[in-house]
Amino acid sequence: MARNPAKLVDRVLDRIGQHMAGKLNRPSSGYRPYTPSDFQTLCATLRPGDVLLIEGRERVSNAIKYVTQSTWSHAALYVGDALPQPRGGERPRLIEVNLGEGCIAAPLSKYASYNTRICRPVGLSAEDCARVTGFMLGKLGLKYDLRNIFDLLRYFFPTPPVPVRWRRKLLAFGAGDPTRAICSSLIAQAFQAVRYPILPDVRETVDEGDVRAARREVYHIRHHSLFTPRDFDLSPYFEVVKPRLKQGFDPHKLEWGEPVAG
């Protein structure tokens, strides 16, 4: 019986993709968080619908940070208690898209020792937040297509000699599926589902029917594949939440050590 050539090629490409994903997900040497992690305060501050940005320590993270010119290489959505707690394990409270894994749920402790940032949408109702988290919950199990070899190969060249203004386009190279390139694309889709802005394309128009020719701004949704983790940090519509400040901070209670004599 003759074999199907297309299926054979798919299997070969899938094996190559698995091998490459394993290499790209290996930790980089020498990573150290800039500041000590306050994990308990982070847990107490997060709310469903928050975007958690992470400074990754894997090889692929270095490439993403270079291409996007940002500290943040990964993004996950906090869903609170929406998922059940496994027997004898920690409840998964994050939904993320990972290279080689696809869309998965993960516990917060996974990033206990990482540099993180909370980006919080403002003005959304509880129902809106539930729709955002529900969108991500509905994507659990979505597979990462390892046949998209171009999306993997480009990360072996973490410092391509291209101008800064062109680097974002590197992330759209290949098949264009948001789960194949970068985690933030799927989160962007979740917020677009409730018409919440991230970095919309704002165009100024003139109302021809108004004698005063009034100008107004019209918001246009950017394609989700163009969003990167840093866009949630840069967005004027997401509040950057500092856990230690949110839980109450009094600088007068700090205990300072004596300066070391020179």
Protein backbone atom coordinates (compact mmCIF):
# COMPACT_ATOMS: atom_id res chain seq x y z
CA MET A 1 0.00 0.00 0.00
CA ALA A 2 1.47 3.35 -1.06
CA ARG A 3 2.17 5.89 1.61
CA ASN A 4 0.66 9.36 1.51
CA PRO A 5 3.61 11.69 0.65
CA ALA A 6 1.92 14.73 2.28
CA LYS A 7 1.44 12.92 5.60
CA LEU A 8 5.03 11.69 5.51
CA VAL A 9 6.31 15.24 4.99
CA ASP A 10 4.09 16.47 7.85
CA ARG A 11 5.55 13.87 10.20
CA VAL A 12 9.11 14.77 9.24
CA LEU A 13 8.48 18.49 9.69
CA ASP A 14 6.77 17.87 13.01
CA ARG A 15 9.79 15.95 14.31
CA ILE A 16 12.13 18.70 13.16
CA GLY A 17 9.89 21.28 14.81
CA GLN A 18 9.86 19.37 18.10
CA HIS A 19 13.65 19.20 18.06
CA MET A 20 13.99 22.92 17.33
CA ALA A 21 11.39 23.91 19.93
CA GLY A 22 13.35 21.94 22.53
CA LYS A 23 16.49 23.90 21.71
CA LEU A 24 14.75 27.27 21.74
CA ASN A 25 13.07 26.59 25.08
CA ARG A 26 16.35 25.88 26.85
CA PRO A 27 17.23 28.40 29.57
CA SER A 28 19.79 31.07 28.78
CA SER A 29 22.84 31.10 31.01
CA GLY A 30 23.37 33.93 33.46
CA TYR A 31 19.74 35.07 33.91
CA ARG A 32 19.08 36.91 37.19
CA PRO A 33 15.94 38.90 38.08
CA TYR A 34 16.58 42.65 38.42
CA THR A 35 14.71 42.82 41.72
CA PRO A 36 13.75 40.19 44.30
CA SER A 37 10.35 38.64 43.61
CA ASP A 38 7.52 39.34 46.07
CA PHE A 39 5.37 36.40 45.03
CA GLN A 40 2.78 36.58 47.81
CA THR A 41 2.05 40.22 47.09
CA LEU A 42 1.78 39.43 43.37
CA CYS A 43 -0.80 36.73 44.13
CA ALA A 44 -2.83 39.11 46.31
CA THR A 45 -2.86 41.85 43.66
CA LEU A 46 -3.85 40.02 40.48
CA ARG A 47 -7.45 40.11 39.23
CA PRO A 48 -9.19 38.10 36.48
CA GLY A 49 -8.54 39.81 33.15
CA ASP A 50 -5.10 41.11 34.14
CA VAL A 51 -2.26 40.58 31.68
CA LEU A 52 0.92 39.33 33.33
CA LEU A 53 4.07 40.23 31.41
CA ILE A 54 7.12 38.07 32.00
CA GLU A 55 10.80 38.56 31.30
CA GLY A 56 11.61 35.08 30.02
CA ARG A 57 14.93 33.36 30.49
CA GLU A 58 14.80 30.95 27.54
CA ARG A 59 16.76 31.30 24.29
CA VAL A 60 13.63 32.21 22.37
CA SER A 61 12.92 34.94 24.95
CA ASN A 62 16.19 36.66 24.10
CA ALA A 63 15.18 36.82 20.45
CA ILE A 64 11.74 38.22 21.23
CA LYS A 65 13.21 40.86 23.56
CA TYR A 66 15.64 41.90 20.82
CA VAL A 67 13.02 42.04 18.07
CA THR A 68 10.52 44.00 20.20
CA GLN A 69 13.15 46.15 21.96
CA SER A 70 11.55 45.37 25.30
CA THR A 71 12.17 43.72 28.65
CA TRP A 72 9.05 41.59 28.22
CA SER A 73 9.19 38.44 26.12
CA HIS A 74 6.04 36.64 27.26
CA ALA A 75 2.46 37.38 28.30
CA ALA A 76 -0.16 35.34 30.11
CA LEU A 77 -3.76 36.08 31.11
CA TYR A 78 -4.81 35.74 34.74
CA VAL A 79 -8.14 33.88 35.04
CA GLY A 80 -8.46 33.60 38.82
CA ASP A 81 -10.44 30.59 40.03
CA ALA A 82 -11.97 29.77 36.65
CA LEU A 83 -10.14 26.44 36.41
CA PRO A 84 -10.48 23.53 38.86
CA GLN A 85 -7.74 22.68 41.30
CA PRO A 86 -6.13 19.33 40.54
CA ARG A 87 -5.94 16.79 43.33
CA GLY A 88 -2.75 17.33 45.27
CA GLY A 89 -1.64 20.16 43.01
CA GLU A 90 -1.77 23.94 42.62
CA ARG A 91 -4.73 25.55 40.88
CA PRO A 92 -3.77 26.88 37.42
CA ARG A 93 -4.56 30.60 37.28
CA LEU A 94 -2.77 31.62 34.07
CA ILE A 95 -3.51 30.82 30.45
CA GLU A 96 -0.63 31.21 28.04
CA VAL A 97 0.63 30.13 24.63
CA ASN A 98 4.03 28.48 24.62
CA LEU A 99 6.32 27.45 21.80
CA GLY A 100 5.91 23.73 21.20
CA GLU A 101 3.05 23.38 23.71
CA GLY A 102 0.24 25.56 22.40
CA CYS A 103 -2.40 27.09 24.67
CA ILE A 104 -2.06 25.75 28.21
CA ALA A 105 -3.03 26.57 31.80
CA ALA A 106 -0.27 27.15 34.35
CA PRO A 107 0.02 27.92 38.08
CA LEU A 108 1.28 31.32 39.19
CA SER A 109 4.22 29.70 40.96
CA LYS A 110 5.71 28.98 37.53
CA TYR A 111 6.83 32.61 37.43
CA ALA A 112 7.51 33.13 41.14
CA SER A 113 11.18 33.97 40.54
CA TYR A 114 10.78 35.98 37.31
CA ASN A 115 10.56 39.70 36.70
CA THR A 116 6.90 40.39 36.01
CA ARG A 117 4.53 43.29 35.38
CA ILE A 118 0.76 43.50 35.79
CA CYS A 119 -1.15 45.34 33.06
CA ARG A 120 -4.80 45.89 33.99
CA PRO A 121 -7.62 46.92 31.64
CA VAL A 122 -9.62 49.86 32.98
CA GLY A 123 -13.37 50.33 32.76
CA LEU A 124 -14.36 46.77 31.91
CA SER A 125 -17.37 45.32 33.73
CA ALA A 126 -17.24 41.96 35.49
CA GLU A 127 -19.16 40.53 32.53
CA ASP A 128 -16.59 41.92 30.08
CA CYS A 129 -13.71 40.40 32.08
CA ALA A 130 -15.58 37.10 32.16
CA ARG A 131 -15.84 37.20 28.36
CA VAL A 132 -12.11 37.90 28.04
CA THR A 133 -11.18 35.02 30.33
CA GLY A 134 -13.83 32.83 28.70
CA PHE A 135 -12.27 33.43 25.30
CA MET A 136 -8.91 32.19 26.58
CA LEU A 137 -10.48 29.24 28.39
CA GLY A 138 -12.08 28.23 25.12
CA LYS A 139 -8.66 28.13 23.45
CA LEU A 140 -7.10 25.67 25.90
CA GLY A 141 -5.62 22.74 24.05
CA LEU A 142 -5.06 24.71 20.86
CA LYS A 143 -1.97 23.12 19.38
CA TYR A 144 1.14 24.92 18.28
CA ASP A 145 1.73 24.06 14.63
CA LEU A 146 5.33 22.88 14.51
CA ARG A 147 5.23 22.61 10.72
CA ASN A 148 5.75 26.36 10.52
CA ILE A 149 9.51 25.95 10.31
CA PHE A 150 10.18 29.55 9.26
CA ASP A 151 8.69 30.83 12.51
CA LEU A 152 11.15 28.63 14.40
CA LEU A 153 14.22 29.10 12.20
CA ARG A 154 14.26 32.86 12.57
CA TYR A 155 14.98 32.54 16.29
CA PHE A 156 18.33 30.94 15.58
CA PHE A 157 19.37 34.39 14.34
CA PRO A 158 18.51 36.51 17.41
CA THR A 159 20.25 39.65 16.15
CA PRO A 160 19.32 40.07 12.48
CA PRO A 161 20.93 43.16 10.90
CA VAL A 162 17.67 44.99 10.17
CA PRO A 163 16.47 48.48 11.16
CA VAL A 164 14.41 48.77 14.35
CA ARG A 165 11.30 49.85 12.43
CA TRP A 166 11.30 46.54 10.51
CA ARG A 167 11.87 44.17 13.41
CA ARG A 168 8.19 43.88 14.36
CA LYS A 169 7.50 42.53 10.87
CA LEU A 170 9.80 39.59 11.62
CA LEU A 171 7.14 38.34 14.02
CA ALA A 172 4.56 38.16 11.24
CA PHE A 173 6.77 36.07 8.95
CA GLY A 174 5.54 32.58 8.16
CA ALA A 175 1.97 31.31 8.33
CA GLY A 176 0.62 34.23 10.37
CA ASP A 177 -1.26 32.11 12.91
CA PRO A 178 -1.04 33.99 16.25
CA THR A 179 -0.36 30.82 18.23
CA ARG A 180 2.67 30.05 16.08
CA ALA A 181 4.62 33.20 16.69
CA ILE A 182 3.97 34.94 19.97
CA CYS A 183 1.77 34.57 23.04
CA SER A 184 0.35 38.10 23.06
CA SER A 185 -1.54 37.63 19.80
CA LEU A 186 -4.14 35.33 21.35
CA ILE A 187 -4.57 37.66 24.35
CA ALA A 188 -5.06 40.56 21.94
CA GLN A 189 -7.86 38.60 20.27
CA ALA A 190 -9.52 38.08 23.65
CA PHE A 191 -9.66 41.83 24.32
CA GLN A 192 -10.72 42.60 20.77
CA ALA A 193 -13.69 40.28 21.36
CA VAL A 194 -15.05 42.85 23.85
CA ARG A 195 -13.89 45.83 21.76
CA TYR A 196 -11.26 46.88 24.28
CA PRO A 197 -8.36 48.94 22.84
CA ILE A 198 -4.71 47.98 23.20
CA LEU A 199 -2.85 50.07 20.65
CA PRO A 200 -5.54 50.86 18.08
CA ASP A 201 -4.88 52.55 14.77
CA VAL A 202 -6.35 56.02 15.37
CA ARG A 203 -7.29 58.02 12.28
CA GLU A 204 -8.58 61.57 12.26
CA THR A 205 -11.62 62.24 10.09
CA VAL A 206 -13.55 65.38 9.18
CA ASP A 207 -17.34 65.47 9.42
CA GLU A 208 -18.26 67.01 6.07
CA GLY A 209 -21.83 67.63 7.24
CA ASP A 210 -20.68 69.95 10.01
CA VAL A 211 -20.25 73.60 8.95
CA ARG A 212 -17.41 73.88 11.43
CA ALA A 213 -15.72 70.85 9.83
CA ALA A 214 -15.34 69.20 13.22
CA ARG A 215 -12.57 66.65 13.45
CA ARG A 216 -13.00 63.38 15.32
CA GLU A 217 -10.86 60.36 16.05
CA VAL A 218 -11.96 56.98 14.74
CA TYR A 219 -10.42 53.84 16.25
CA HIS A 220 -9.53 50.92 14.00
CA ILE A 221 -8.57 47.50 15.31
CA ARG A 222 -5.05 46.36 14.46
CA HIS A 223 -4.61 42.78 13.33
CA HIS A 224 -3.96 40.56 16.34
CA SER A 225 -0.82 39.05 14.81
CA LEU A 226 0.96 42.42 15.12
CA PHE A 227 0.77 42.62 18.93
CA THR A 228 3.75 41.87 21.15
CA PRO A 229 4.02 41.59 24.95
CA ARG A 230 5.37 45.12 25.35
CA ASP A 231 2.24 46.60 23.69
CA PHE A 232 0.24 45.96 26.87
CA ASP A 233 2.91 47.88 28.80
CA LEU A 234 2.92 50.76 26.31
CA SER A 235 -0.85 50.89 25.88
CA PRO A 236 -2.50 54.03 27.35
CA TYR A 237 -5.55 51.88 28.12
CA PHE A 238 -3.88 49.40 30.49
CA GLU A 239 -2.91 50.42 34.01
CA VAL A 240 0.52 49.28 35.14
CA VAL A 241 -0.07 47.86 38.62
CA LYS A 242 2.82 47.70 41.07
CA PRO A 243 1.92 45.04 43.69
CA ARG A 244 3.88 46.56 46.56
CA LEU A 245 2.32 49.98 46.01
CA LYS A 246 -1.17 48.56 45.50
CA GLN A 247 -1.07 46.72 48.82
CA GLY A 248 0.04 49.84 50.67
CA PHE A 249 3.52 51.32 50.89
CA ASP A 250 5.02 53.61 53.50
CA PRO A 251 8.61 54.68 52.79
CA HIS A 252 9.01 55.76 56.41
CA LYS A 253 8.85 52.14 57.54
CA LEU A 254 11.84 51.08 55.49
CA GLU A 255 14.93 50.06 57.43
CA TRP A 256 18.06 51.34 55.74
CA GLY A 257 21.48 49.91 56.45
CA GLU A 258 24.40 52.13 57.25
CA PRO A 259 26.51 53.14 54.23
CA VAL A 260 29.68 51.15 53.81
CA ALA A 261 32.79 53.24 54.48
CA GLY A 262 34.85 53.86 51.34
